[in-house]
Amino acid sequence: MANIASAKKRARQSEVNRQRNAGARSMLRTCIRKVVVAIEKGDKEGARTALVAAVPVIDRMAGKGIIHRNKAARHKSRLSARIQALG
């Protein structure tokens, strides 16, 4: 455990940030899962609607550094490609 005051404060801040990031990451995964579930059902319109809702969340998480911007781009690209493949 930290002995120095600044290290104790840093530990408190880290814990708060960890919990905030975990919640944000969970929300991100939920949004992506909604798109994937719609794709697996074969519901192209539902998947497209879910993707439109998920894209701003993905971008926001990349902007906050929760995920890397390339990972965000990869998610958006692969999800949209899967929707297009539904035909």
C-alpha atoms as a PDB file:
ATOM      1  CA  MET A   1       0.000   0.000   0.000  1.00  0.00           C
ATOM      2  CA  ALA A   2       1.139   3.530  -0.727  1.00  0.00           C
ATOM      3  CA  ASN A   3       2.654   5.604   2.086  1.00  0.00           C
ATOM      4  CA  ILE A   4       3.077   8.957   0.347  1.00  0.00           C
ATOM      5  CA  ALA A   5       0.011  11.194   0.129  1.00  0.00           C
ATOM      6  CA  SER A   6       0.283  11.708  -3.633  1.00  0.00           C
ATOM      7  CA  ALA A   7       0.558   7.950  -4.177  1.00  0.00           C
ATOM      8  CA  LYS A   8      -2.545   7.368  -2.028  1.00  0.00           C
ATOM      9  CA  LYS A   9      -4.459   9.950  -4.064  1.00  0.00           C
ATOM     10  CA  ARG A  10      -3.235   8.358  -7.293  1.00  0.00           C
ATOM     11  CA  ALA A  11      -4.495   4.955  -6.066  1.00  0.00           C
ATOM     12  CA  ARG A  12      -7.938   6.449  -5.334  1.00  0.00           C
ATOM     13  CA  GLN A  13      -8.057   8.109  -8.752  1.00  0.00           C
ATOM     14  CA  SER A  14      -6.992   4.905 -10.471  1.00  0.00           C
ATOM     15  CA  GLU A  15      -9.787   2.954  -8.819  1.00  0.00           C
ATOM     16  CA  VAL A  16     -12.433   5.521  -9.805  1.00  0.00           C
ATOM     17  CA  ASN A  17     -11.136   5.563 -13.384  1.00  0.00           C
ATOM     18  CA  ARG A  18     -11.014   1.773 -13.511  1.00  0.00           C
ATOM     19  CA  GLN A  19     -14.666   1.488 -12.523  1.00  0.00           C
ATOM     20  CA  ARG A  20     -15.719   4.236 -14.947  1.00  0.00           C
ATOM     21  CA  ASN A  21     -13.787   2.593 -17.789  1.00  0.00           C
ATOM     22  CA  ALA A  22     -15.264  -0.819 -16.965  1.00  0.00           C
ATOM     23  CA  GLY A  23     -18.788   0.583 -17.207  1.00  0.00           C
ATOM     24  CA  ALA A  24     -18.037   2.327 -20.472  1.00  0.00           C
ATOM     25  CA  ARG A  25     -16.428  -0.808 -21.928  1.00  0.00           C
ATOM     26  CA  SER A  26     -19.468  -2.846 -20.894  1.00  0.00           C
ATOM     27  CA  MET A  27     -21.794  -0.383 -22.641  1.00  0.00           C
ATOM     28  CA  LEU A  28     -19.627  -0.593 -25.762  1.00  0.00           C
ATOM     29  CA  ARG A  29     -19.755  -4.393 -25.802  1.00  0.00           C
ATOM     30  CA  THR A  30     -23.526  -4.338 -25.309  1.00  0.00           C
ATOM     31  CA  CYS A  31     -23.990  -2.030 -28.304  1.00  0.00           C
ATOM     32  CA  ILE A  32     -21.790  -4.238 -30.483  1.00  0.00           C
ATOM     33  CA  ARG A  33     -23.596  -7.369 -29.282  1.00  0.00           C
ATOM     34  CA  LYS A  34     -26.973  -5.893 -30.282  1.00  0.00           C
ATOM     35  CA  VAL A  35     -25.709  -5.478 -33.845  1.00  0.00           C
ATOM     36  CA  VAL A  36     -24.264  -9.001 -33.933  1.00  0.00           C
ATOM     37  CA  VAL A  37     -27.477 -10.559 -32.581  1.00  0.00           C
ATOM     38  CA  ALA A  38     -29.534  -8.765 -35.245  1.00  0.00           C
ATOM     39  CA  ILE A  39     -27.115  -9.959 -37.946  1.00  0.00           C
ATOM     40  CA  GLU A  40     -27.333 -13.555 -36.726  1.00  0.00           C
ATOM     41  CA  LYS A  41     -31.138 -13.369 -36.819  1.00  0.00           C
ATOM     42  CA  GLY A  42     -30.894 -12.194 -40.412  1.00  0.00           C
ATOM     43  CA  ASP A  43     -32.689  -8.945 -39.574  1.00  0.00           C
ATOM     44  CA  LYS A  44     -30.929  -6.493 -41.899  1.00  0.00           C
ATOM     45  CA  GLU A  45     -33.042  -3.468 -40.948  1.00  0.00           C
ATOM     46  CA  GLY A  46     -32.672  -4.152 -37.230  1.00  0.00           C
ATOM     47  CA  ALA A  47     -28.939  -4.630 -37.623  1.00  0.00           C
ATOM     48  CA  ARG A  48     -28.638  -1.371 -39.543  1.00  0.00           C
ATOM     49  CA  THR A  49     -30.582   0.477 -36.833  1.00  0.00           C
ATOM     50  CA  ALA A  50     -28.421  -1.067 -34.102  1.00  0.00           C
ATOM     51  CA  LEU A  51     -25.262  -0.113 -36.017  1.00  0.00           C
ATOM     52  CA  VAL A  52     -26.423   3.505 -36.363  1.00  0.00           C
ATOM     53  CA  ALA A  53     -26.870   3.554 -32.570  1.00  0.00           C
ATOM     54  CA  ALA A  54     -23.538   1.784 -31.933  1.00  0.00           C
ATOM     55  CA  VAL A  55     -21.256   3.910 -34.136  1.00  0.00           C
ATOM     56  CA  PRO A  56     -21.363   7.060 -31.953  1.00  0.00           C
ATOM     57  CA  VAL A  57     -20.726   4.933 -28.856  1.00  0.00           C
ATOM     58  CA  ILE A  58     -17.732   3.272 -30.525  1.00  0.00           C
ATOM     59  CA  ASP A  59     -16.361   6.667 -31.606  1.00  0.00           C
ATOM     60  CA  ARG A  60     -16.872   8.123 -28.137  1.00  0.00           C
ATOM     61  CA  MET A  61     -14.984   5.249 -26.495  1.00  0.00           C
ATOM     62  CA  ALA A  62     -12.124   5.690 -28.962  1.00  0.00           C
ATOM     63  CA  GLY A  63     -12.056   9.423 -28.249  1.00  0.00           C
ATOM     64  CA  LYS A  64     -11.831   8.805 -24.513  1.00  0.00           C
ATOM     65  CA  GLY A  65      -9.065   6.245 -24.934  1.00  0.00           C
ATOM     66  CA  ILE A  66     -11.145   3.300 -23.679  1.00  0.00           C
ATOM     67  CA  ILE A  67     -10.271   1.503 -26.925  1.00  0.00           C
ATOM     68  CA  HIS A  68      -7.722   2.324 -29.625  1.00  0.00           C
ATOM     69  CA  ARG A  69      -8.996   4.275 -32.635  1.00  0.00           C
ATOM     70  CA  ASN A  70      -7.909   1.493 -34.994  1.00  0.00           C
ATOM     71  CA  LYS A  71      -9.947  -1.020 -32.992  1.00  0.00           C
ATOM     72  CA  ALA A  72     -12.949   1.302 -33.257  1.00  0.00           C
ATOM     73  CA  ALA A  73     -12.484   1.541 -37.028  1.00  0.00           C
ATOM     74  CA  ARG A  74     -12.125  -2.231 -37.269  1.00  0.00           C
ATOM     75  CA  HIS A  75     -15.370  -2.828 -35.341  1.00  0.00           C
ATOM     76  CA  LYS A  76     -17.319  -0.374 -37.494  1.00  0.00           C
ATOM     77  CA  SER A  77     -15.881  -1.778 -40.715  1.00  0.00           C
ATOM     78  CA  ARG A  78     -16.500  -5.429 -39.901  1.00  0.00           C
ATOM     79  CA  LEU A  79     -20.018  -4.857 -38.605  1.00  0.00           C
ATOM     80  CA  SER A  80     -21.031  -2.836 -41.654  1.00  0.00           C
ATOM     81  CA  ALA A  81     -19.476  -5.451 -43.957  1.00  0.00           C
ATOM     82  CA  ARG A  82     -21.477  -8.202 -42.234  1.00  0.00           C
ATOM     83  CA  ILE A  83     -24.679  -6.186 -42.645  1.00  0.00           C
ATOM     84  CA  GLN A  84     -23.961  -5.642 -46.337  1.00  0.00           C
ATOM     85  CA  ALA A  85     -23.360  -9.379 -46.762  1.00  0.00           C
ATOM     86  CA  LEU A  86     -26.872 -10.147 -45.520  1.00  0.00           C
ATOM     87  CA  GLY A  87     -28.220  -9.096 -48.932  1.00  0.00           C
END
